[in-house]
Amino acid sequence: MAVEYAEEAFLGMVHLMRTAQSEMVRLAAMDKILDRTFGKAPQHIDIAAIKHTEIVYRSAAEIRQALLDRGVPRVLLDYSPSSDRT
């Protein structure tokens, strides 16, 4: 049913683009016309955000050493909840 109004709607956007007082309304009409004519521009995708790095450790000692190498204080790695109990 909407198809019968498509031409009128398009002409309405053209009319707004040419005559609207508000620059924002004119810009929105231009944007809609271009989207419908050429398709929407592709969205920016940050590839760095979706980059996946898999790190595999073979032992707890290897994990501990990797954390020490990254600057984690030794006291945090040597802590165990059972040593807190008196």
PDB file of N, CA and C in Angstrom:
ATOM      1  N   MET A   1       0.817  -1.204   0.000  1.00  0.00           N
ATOM      2  CA  MET A   1       0.000   0.000   0.000  1.00  0.00           C
ATOM      3  C   MET A   1       0.857   1.263   0.000  1.00  0.00           C
ATOM      4  N   ALA A   2       2.010   1.182   0.659  1.00  0.00           N
ATOM      5  CA  ALA A   2       2.857   2.372   0.746  1.00  0.00           C
ATOM      6  C   ALA A   2       3.436   2.783  -0.604  1.00  0.00           C
ATOM      7  N   VAL A   3       3.545   1.824  -1.509  1.00  0.00           N
ATOM      8  CA  VAL A   3       4.126   2.110  -2.826  1.00  0.00           C
ATOM      9  C   VAL A   3       3.381   3.227  -3.539  1.00  0.00           C
ATOM     10  N   GLU A   4       2.081   3.282  -3.359  1.00  0.00           N
ATOM     11  CA  GLU A   4       1.320   4.317  -4.063  1.00  0.00           C
ATOM     12  C   GLU A   4       1.659   5.724  -3.587  1.00  0.00           C
ATOM     13  N   TYR A   5       2.296   5.851  -2.416  1.00  0.00           N
ATOM     14  CA  TYR A   5       2.676   7.166  -1.890  1.00  0.00           C
ATOM     15  C   TYR A   5       4.165   7.480  -2.094  1.00  0.00           C
ATOM     16  N   ALA A   6       4.911   6.544  -2.651  1.00  0.00           N
ATOM     17  CA  ALA A   6       6.361   6.704  -2.774  1.00  0.00           C
ATOM     18  C   ALA A   6       6.753   7.948  -3.579  1.00  0.00           C
ATOM     19  N   GLU A   7       6.112   8.134  -4.718  1.00  0.00           N
ATOM     20  CA  GLU A   7       6.463   9.286  -5.553  1.00  0.00           C
ATOM     21  C   GLU A   7       6.144  10.590  -4.831  1.00  0.00           C
ATOM     22  N   GLU A   8       4.987  10.636  -4.199  1.00  0.00           N
ATOM     23  CA  GLU A   8       4.590  11.844  -3.461  1.00  0.00           C
ATOM     24  C   GLU A   8       5.557  12.113  -2.302  1.00  0.00           C
ATOM     25  N   ALA A   9       5.957  11.048  -1.618  1.00  0.00           N
ATOM     26  CA  ALA A   9       6.895  11.208  -0.506  1.00  0.00           C
ATOM     27  C   ALA A   9       8.247  11.715  -1.006  1.00  0.00           C
ATOM     28  N   PHE A  10       8.707  11.155  -2.110  1.00  0.00           N
ATOM     29  CA  PHE A  10       9.970  11.599  -2.689  1.00  0.00           C
ATOM     30  C   PHE A  10       9.895  13.068  -3.103  1.00  0.00           C
ATOM     31  N   LEU A  11       8.819  13.436  -3.762  1.00  0.00           N
ATOM     32  CA  LEU A  11       8.657  14.837  -4.175  1.00  0.00           C
ATOM     33  C   LEU A  11       8.565  15.754  -2.952  1.00  0.00           C
ATOM     34  N   GLY A  12       7.972  15.256  -1.869  1.00  0.00           N
ATOM     35  CA  GLY A  12       7.932  16.035  -0.626  1.00  0.00           C
ATOM     36  C   GLY A  12       9.322  16.283  -0.072  1.00  0.00           C
ATOM     37  N   MET A  13      10.183  15.247  -0.141  1.00  0.00           N
ATOM     38  CA  MET A  13      11.570  15.432   0.319  1.00  0.00           C
ATOM     39  C   MET A  13      12.306  16.435  -0.553  1.00  0.00           C
ATOM     40  N   VAL A  14      12.083  16.358  -1.859  1.00  0.00           N
ATOM     41  CA  VAL A  14      12.710  17.326  -2.774  1.00  0.00           C
ATOM     42  C   VAL A  14      12.222  18.730  -2.444  1.00  0.00           C
ATOM     43  N   HIS A  15      10.939  18.865  -2.176  1.00  0.00           N
ATOM     44  CA  HIS A  15      10.371  20.174  -1.822  1.00  0.00           C
ATOM     45  C   HIS A  15      11.027  20.706  -0.536  1.00  0.00           C
ATOM     46  N   LEU A  16      11.151  19.844   0.479  1.00  0.00           N
ATOM     47  CA  LEU A  16      11.803  20.273   1.729  1.00  0.00           C
ATOM     48  C   LEU A  16      13.259  20.655   1.481  1.00  0.00           C
ATOM     49  N   MET A  17      13.946  19.869   0.674  1.00  0.00           N
ATOM     50  CA  MET A  17      15.346  20.152   0.371  1.00  0.00           C
ATOM     51  C   MET A  17      15.503  21.546  -0.247  1.00  0.00           C
ATOM     52  N   ARG A  18      14.550  21.927  -1.076  1.00  0.00           N
ATOM     53  CA  ARG A  18      14.656  23.201  -1.792  1.00  0.00           C
ATOM     54  C   ARG A  18      14.094  24.391  -1.028  1.00  0.00           C
ATOM     55  N   THR A  19      13.112  24.165  -0.148  1.00  0.00           N
ATOM     56  CA  THR A  19      12.383  25.323   0.390  1.00  0.00           C
ATOM     57  C   THR A  19      12.359  25.459   1.914  1.00  0.00           C
ATOM     58  N   ALA A  20      12.758  24.430   2.641  1.00  0.00           N
ATOM     59  CA  ALA A  20      12.636  24.501   4.106  1.00  0.00           C
ATOM     60  C   ALA A  20      13.479  25.651   4.668  1.00  0.00           C
ATOM     61  N   GLN A  21      12.945  26.299   5.684  1.00  0.00           N
ATOM     62  CA  GLN A  21      13.662  27.397   6.340  1.00  0.00           C
ATOM     63  C   GLN A  21      14.855  26.869   7.139  1.00  0.00           C
ATOM     64  N   SER A  22      14.656  25.726   7.763  1.00  0.00           N
ATOM     65  CA  SER A  22      15.692  25.142   8.620  1.00  0.00           C
ATOM     66  C   SER A  22      16.752  24.428   7.782  1.00  0.00           C
ATOM     67  N   GLU A  23      17.978  24.777   8.026  1.00  0.00           N
ATOM     68  CA  GLU A  23      19.083  24.115   7.338  1.00  0.00           C
ATOM     69  C   GLU A  23      19.145  22.633   7.710  1.00  0.00           C
ATOM     70  N   MET A  24      18.796  22.316   8.956  1.00  0.00           N
ATOM     71  CA  MET A  24      18.795  20.922   9.403  1.00  0.00           C
ATOM     72  C   MET A  24      17.757  20.104   8.632  1.00  0.00           C
ATOM     73  N   VAL A  25      16.587  20.677   8.381  1.00  0.00           N
ATOM     74  CA  VAL A  25      15.547  19.981   7.624  1.00  0.00           C
ATOM     75  C   VAL A  25      16.009  19.776   6.183  1.00  0.00           C
ATOM     76  N   ARG A  26      16.613  20.795   5.589  1.00  0.00           N
ATOM     77  CA  ARG A  26      17.114  20.664   4.214  1.00  0.00           C
ATOM     78  C   ARG A  26      18.190  19.582   4.131  1.00  0.00           C
ATOM     79  N   LEU A  27      19.101  19.592   5.094  1.00  0.00           N
ATOM     80  CA  LEU A  27      20.176  18.598   5.117  1.00  0.00           C
ATOM     81  C   LEU A  27      19.611  17.184   5.298  1.00  0.00           C
ATOM     82  N   ALA A  28      18.647  17.021   6.186  1.00  0.00           N
ATOM     83  CA  ALA A  28      18.038  15.708   6.400  1.00  0.00           C
ATOM     84  C   ALA A  28      17.356  15.218   5.125  1.00  0.00           C
ATOM     85  N   ALA A  29      16.677  16.109   4.420  1.00  0.00           N
ATOM     86  CA  ALA A  29      16.018  15.732   3.161  1.00  0.00           C
ATOM     87  C   ALA A  29      17.049  15.319   2.122  1.00  0.00           C
ATOM     88  N   MET A  30      18.139  16.074   2.011  1.00  0.00           N
ATOM     89  CA  MET A  30      19.206  15.717   1.066  1.00  0.00           C
ATOM     90  C   MET A  30      19.785  14.347   1.396  1.00  0.00           C
ATOM     91  N   ASP A  31      20.012  14.122   2.682  1.00  0.00           N
ATOM     92  CA  ASP A  31      20.578  12.856   3.140  1.00  0.00           C
ATOM     93  C   ASP A  31      19.662  11.690   2.768  1.00  0.00           C
ATOM     94  N   LYS A  32      18.376  11.833   3.005  1.00  0.00           N
ATOM     95  CA  LYS A  32      17.412  10.770   2.689  1.00  0.00           C
ATOM     96  C   LYS A  32      17.346  10.520   1.185  1.00  0.00           C
ATOM     97  N   ILE A  33      17.373  11.586   0.403  1.00  0.00           N
ATOM     98  CA  ILE A  33      17.327  11.433  -1.054  1.00  0.00           C
ATOM     99  C   ILE A  33      18.558  10.676  -1.548  1.00  0.00           C
ATOM    100  N   LEU A  34      19.730  11.065  -1.043  1.00  0.00           N
ATOM    101  CA  LEU A  34      20.967  10.389  -1.458  1.00  0.00           C
ATOM    102  C   LEU A  34      20.978   8.930  -1.020  1.00  0.00           C
ATOM    103  N   ASP A  35      20.516   8.655   0.217  1.00  0.00           N
ATOM    104  CA  ASP A  35      20.451   7.271   0.697  1.00  0.00           C
ATOM    105  C   ASP A  35      19.570   6.420  -0.203  1.00  0.00           C
ATOM    106  N   ARG A  36      18.473   6.972  -0.642  1.00  0.00           N
ATOM    107  CA  ARG A  36      17.549   6.204  -1.471  1.00  0.00           C
ATOM    108  C   ARG A  36      18.034   6.085  -2.920  1.00  0.00           C
ATOM    109  N   THR A  37      18.876   7.020  -3.331  1.00  0.00           N
ATOM    110  CA  THR A  37      19.383   6.997  -4.702  1.00  0.00           C
ATOM    111  C   THR A  37      20.601   6.082  -4.844  1.00  0.00           C
ATOM    112  N   PHE A  38      21.571   6.257  -3.939  1.00  0.00           N
ATOM    113  CA  PHE A  38      22.844   5.539  -4.052  1.00  0.00           C
ATOM    114  C   PHE A  38      23.053   4.481  -2.977  1.00  0.00           C
ATOM    115  N   GLY A  39      22.171   4.395  -2.002  1.00  0.00           N
ATOM    116  CA  GLY A  39      22.361   3.484  -0.877  1.00  0.00           C
ATOM    117  C   GLY A  39      23.129   4.179   0.229  1.00  0.00           C
ATOM    118  N   LYS A  40      22.980   3.670   1.427  1.00  0.00           N
ATOM    119  CA  LYS A  40      23.669   4.278   2.561  1.00  0.00           C
ATOM    120  C   LYS A  40      25.159   3.981   2.492  1.00  0.00           C
ATOM    121  N   ALA A  41      25.947   4.938   2.968  1.00  0.00           N
ATOM    122  CA  ALA A  41      27.390   4.739   3.038  1.00  0.00           C
ATOM    123  C   ALA A  41      27.693   3.653   4.059  1.00  0.00           C
ATOM    124  N   PRO A  42      28.732   2.847   3.826  1.00  0.00           N
ATOM    125  CA  PRO A  42      29.068   1.800   4.795  1.00  0.00           C
ATOM    126  C   PRO A  42      29.482   2.403   6.132  1.00  0.00           C
ATOM    127  N   GLN A  43      29.133   1.714   7.201  1.00  0.00           N
ATOM    128  CA  GLN A  43      29.496   2.176   8.537  1.00  0.00           C
ATOM    129  C   GLN A  43      30.976   1.922   8.770  1.00  0.00           C
ATOM    130  N   HIS A  44      31.608   2.807   9.521  1.00  0.00           N
ATOM    131  CA  HIS A  44      33.011   2.641   9.880  1.00  0.00           C
ATOM    132  C   HIS A  44      33.129   1.486  10.868  1.00  0.00           C
ATOM    133  N   ILE A  45      34.022   0.566  10.595  1.00  0.00           N
ATOM    134  CA  ILE A  45      34.249  -0.554  11.501  1.00  0.00           C
ATOM    135  C   ILE A  45      35.687  -0.483  11.975  1.00  0.00           C
ATOM    136  N   ASP A  46      35.858  -0.464  13.290  1.00  0.00           N
ATOM    137  CA  ASP A  46      37.199  -0.424  13.881  1.00  0.00           C
ATOM    138  C   ASP A  46      37.739  -1.842  13.940  1.00  0.00           C
ATOM    139  N   ILE A  47      38.610  -2.177  12.992  1.00  0.00           N
ATOM    140  CA  ILE A  47      39.164  -3.523  12.912  1.00  0.00           C
ATOM    141  C   ILE A  47      39.949  -3.858  14.171  1.00  0.00           C
ATOM    142  N   ALA A  48      40.627  -2.879  14.752  1.00  0.00           N
ATOM    143  CA  ALA A  48      41.409  -3.141  15.962  1.00  0.00           C
ATOM    144  C   ALA A  48      40.520  -3.614  17.102  1.00  0.00           C
ATOM    145  N   ALA A  49      39.278  -3.147  17.135  1.00  0.00           N
ATOM    146  CA  ALA A  49      38.372  -3.528  18.214  1.00  0.00           C
ATOM    147  C   ALA A  49      37.908  -4.971  18.086  1.00  0.00           C
ATOM    148  N   ILE A  50      37.903  -5.517  16.871  1.00  0.00           N
ATOM    149  CA  ILE A  50      37.437  -6.891  16.711  1.00  0.00           C
ATOM    150  C   ILE A  50      38.582  -7.879  16.519  1.00  0.00           C
ATOM    151  N   LYS A  51      39.801  -7.398  16.591  1.00  0.00           N
ATOM    152  CA  LYS A  51      40.960  -8.271  16.474  1.00  0.00           C
ATOM    153  C   LYS A  51      40.992  -9.208  17.672  1.00  0.00           C
ATOM    154  N   HIS A  52      41.156 -10.471  17.416  1.00  0.00           N
ATOM    155  CA  HIS A  52      41.161 -11.460  18.485  1.00  0.00           C
ATOM    156  C   HIS A  52      42.555 -12.059  18.584  1.00  0.00           C
ATOM    157  N   THR A  53      43.099 -12.049  19.770  1.00  0.00           N
ATOM    158  CA  THR A  53      44.392 -12.660  20.005  1.00  0.00           C
ATOM    159  C   THR A  53      44.202 -13.806  20.981  1.00  0.00           C
ATOM    160  N   GLU A  54      44.674 -14.956  20.600  1.00  0.00           N
ATOM    161  CA  GLU A  54      44.565 -16.118  21.478  1.00  0.00           C
ATOM    162  C   GLU A  54      45.924 -16.373  22.108  1.00  0.00           C
ATOM    163  N   ILE A  55      45.934 -16.467  23.414  1.00  0.00           N
ATOM    164  CA  ILE A  55      47.161 -16.751  24.145  1.00  0.00           C
ATOM    165  C   ILE A  55      46.953 -18.081  24.851  1.00  0.00           C
ATOM    166  N   VAL A  56      47.867 -18.990  24.632  1.00  0.00           N
ATOM    167  CA  VAL A  56      47.756 -20.309  25.231  1.00  0.00           C
ATOM    168  C   VAL A  56      48.928 -20.509  26.181  1.00  0.00           C
ATOM    169  N   TYR A  57      48.604 -20.885  27.414  1.00  0.00           N
ATOM    170  CA  TYR A  57      49.625 -21.197  28.413  1.00  0.00           C
ATOM    171  C   TYR A  57      49.589 -22.694  28.688  1.00  0.00           C
ATOM    172  N   ARG A  58      50.764 -23.252  28.936  1.00  0.00           N
ATOM    173  CA  ARG A  58      50.846 -24.688  29.182  1.00  0.00           C
ATOM    174  C   ARG A  58      50.800 -25.039  30.665  1.00  0.00           C
ATOM    175  N   SER A  59      51.058 -24.050  31.527  1.00  0.00           N
ATOM    176  CA  SER A  59      51.078 -24.348  32.966  1.00  0.00           C
ATOM    177  C   SER A  59      50.805 -23.088  33.769  1.00  0.00           C
ATOM    178  N   ALA A  60      50.493 -23.283  35.048  1.00  0.00           N
ATOM    179  CA  ALA A  60      50.285 -22.156  35.952  1.00  0.00           C
ATOM    180  C   ALA A  60      51.571 -21.360  36.115  1.00  0.00           C
ATOM    181  N   ALA A  61      52.697 -22.040  36.101  1.00  0.00           N
ATOM    182  CA  ALA A  61      53.996 -21.362  36.229  1.00  0.00           C
ATOM    183  C   ALA A  61      54.230 -20.431  35.035  1.00  0.00           C
ATOM    184  N   GLU A  62      53.810 -20.869  33.851  1.00  0.00           N
ATOM    185  CA  GLU A  62      53.953 -20.040  32.653  1.00  0.00           C
ATOM    186  C   GLU A  62      53.068 -18.796  32.753  1.00  0.00           C
ATOM    187  N   ILE A  63      51.863 -18.959  33.268  1.00  0.00           N
ATOM    188  CA  ILE A  63      50.958 -17.822  33.468  1.00  0.00           C
ATOM    189  C   ILE A  63      51.561 -16.857  34.476  1.00  0.00           C
ATOM    190  N   ARG A  64      52.057 -17.394  35.586  1.00  0.00           N
ATOM    191  CA  ARG A  64      52.667 -16.567  36.642  1.00  0.00           C
ATOM    192  C   ARG A  64      53.820 -15.746  36.061  1.00  0.00           C
ATOM    193  N   GLN A  65      54.673 -16.399  35.278  1.00  0.00           N
ATOM    194  CA  GLN A  65      55.828 -15.698  34.699  1.00  0.00           C
ATOM    195  C   GLN A  65      55.379 -14.621  33.716  1.00  0.00           C
ATOM    196  N   ALA A  66      54.341 -14.890  32.931  1.00  0.00           N
ATOM    197  CA  ALA A  66      53.833 -13.890  31.989  1.00  0.00           C
ATOM    198  C   ALA A  66      53.293 -12.679  32.742  1.00  0.00           C
ATOM    199  N   LEU A  67      52.613 -12.909  33.859  1.00  0.00           N
ATOM    200  CA  LEU A  67      52.099 -11.792  34.664  1.00  0.00           C
ATOM    201  C   LEU A  67      53.237 -10.987  35.280  1.00  0.00           C
ATOM    202  N   LEU A  68      54.269 -11.671  35.772  1.00  0.00           N
ATOM    203  CA  LEU A  68      55.441 -10.965  36.309  1.00  0.00           C
ATOM    204  C   LEU A  68      56.109 -10.126  35.225  1.00  0.00           C
ATOM    205  N   ASP A  69      56.220 -10.695  34.027  1.00  0.00           N
ATOM    206  CA  ASP A  69      56.828  -9.968  32.900  1.00  0.00           C
ATOM    207  C   ASP A  69      56.035  -8.719  32.524  1.00  0.00           C
ATOM    208  N   ARG A  70      54.737  -8.751  32.785  1.00  0.00           N
ATOM    209  CA  ARG A  70      53.886  -7.592  32.482  1.00  0.00           C
ATOM    210  C   ARG A  70      53.835  -6.595  33.626  1.00  0.00           C
ATOM    211  N   GLY A  71      54.548  -6.866  34.705  1.00  0.00           N
ATOM    212  CA  GLY A  71      54.633  -5.899  35.795  1.00  0.00           C
ATOM    213  C   GLY A  71      53.680  -6.115  36.951  1.00  0.00           C
ATOM    214  N   VAL A  72      53.002  -7.260  36.989  1.00  0.00           N
ATOM    215  CA  VAL A  72      52.126  -7.540  38.134  1.00  0.00           C
ATOM    216  C   VAL A  72      53.024  -7.779  39.349  1.00  0.00           C
ATOM    217  N   PRO A  73      52.788  -7.090  40.463  1.00  0.00           N
ATOM    218  CA  PRO A  73      53.644  -7.255  41.644  1.00  0.00           C
ATOM    219  C   PRO A  73      53.629  -8.707  42.149  1.00  0.00           C
ATOM    220  N   ARG A  74      54.799  -9.187  42.509  1.00  0.00           N
ATOM    221  CA  ARG A  74      54.969 -10.561  42.991  1.00  0.00           C
ATOM    222  C   ARG A  74      54.069 -10.846  44.189  1.00  0.00           C
ATOM    223  N   VAL A  75      53.887  -9.847  45.065  1.00  0.00           N
ATOM    224  CA  VAL A  75      53.083 -10.061  46.270  1.00  0.00           C
ATOM    225  C   VAL A  75      51.639 -10.440  45.909  1.00  0.00           C
ATOM    226  N   LEU A  76      51.128  -9.922  44.801  1.00  0.00           N
ATOM    227  CA  LEU A  76      49.777 -10.287  44.377  1.00  0.00           C
ATOM    228  C   LEU A  76      49.708 -11.725  43.864  1.00  0.00           C
ATOM    229  N   LEU A  77      50.797 -12.181  43.272  1.00  0.00           N
ATOM    230  CA  LEU A  77      50.817 -13.537  42.741  1.00  0.00           C
ATOM    231  C   LEU A  77      51.080 -14.577  43.831  1.00  0.00           C
ATOM    232  N   ASP A  78      51.725 -14.165  44.904  1.00  0.00           N
ATOM    233  CA  ASP A  78      52.031 -15.081  45.996  1.00  0.00           C
ATOM    234  C   ASP A  78      50.908 -15.163  47.001  1.00  0.00           C
ATOM    235  N   TYR A  79      49.922 -14.300  46.914  1.00  0.00           N
ATOM    236  CA  TYR A  79      48.807 -14.270  47.867  1.00  0.00           C
ATOM    237  C   TYR A  79      47.905 -15.482  47.665  1.00  0.00           C
ATOM    238  N   SER A  80      47.475 -16.056  48.753  1.00  0.00           N
ATOM    239  CA  SER A  80      46.445 -17.094  48.683  1.00  0.00           C
ATOM    240  C   SER A  80      45.472 -16.844  49.820  1.00  0.00           C
ATOM    241  N   PRO A  81      44.174 -17.040  49.602  1.00  0.00           N
ATOM    242  CA  PRO A  81      43.165 -16.760  50.621  1.00  0.00           C
ATOM    243  C   PRO A  81      43.408 -17.525  51.912  1.00  0.00           C
ATOM    244  N   SER A  82      43.958 -18.736  51.825  1.00  0.00           N
ATOM    245  CA  SER A  82      44.177 -19.521  53.031  1.00  0.00           C
ATOM    246  C   SER A  82      45.245 -18.901  53.937  1.00  0.00           C
ATOM    247  N   SER A  83      46.157 -18.114  53.362  1.00  0.00           N
ATOM    248  CA  SER A  83      47.195 -17.477  54.179  1.00  0.00           C
ATOM    249  C   SER A  83      46.651 -16.308  54.983  1.00  0.00           C
ATOM    250  N   ASP A  84      45.420 -15.886  54.699  1.00  0.00           N
ATOM    251  CA  ASP A  84      44.761 -14.796  55.421  1.00  0.00           C
ATOM    252  C   ASP A  84      44.158 -15.273  56.735  1.00  0.00           C
ATOM    253  N   ARG A  85      43.863 -16.550  56.830  1.00  0.00           N
ATOM    254  CA  ARG A  85      43.185 -17.098  58.006  1.00  0.00           C
ATOM    255  C   ARG A  85      44.165 -17.299  59.155  1.00  0.00           C
ATOM    256  N   THR A  86      43.762 -16.928  60.348  1.00  0.00           N
ATOM    257  CA  THR A  86      44.626 -17.129  61.515  1.00  0.00           C
ATOM    258  C   THR A  86      43.925 -17.946  62.562  1.00  0.00           C
TER     259      THR A  86
END
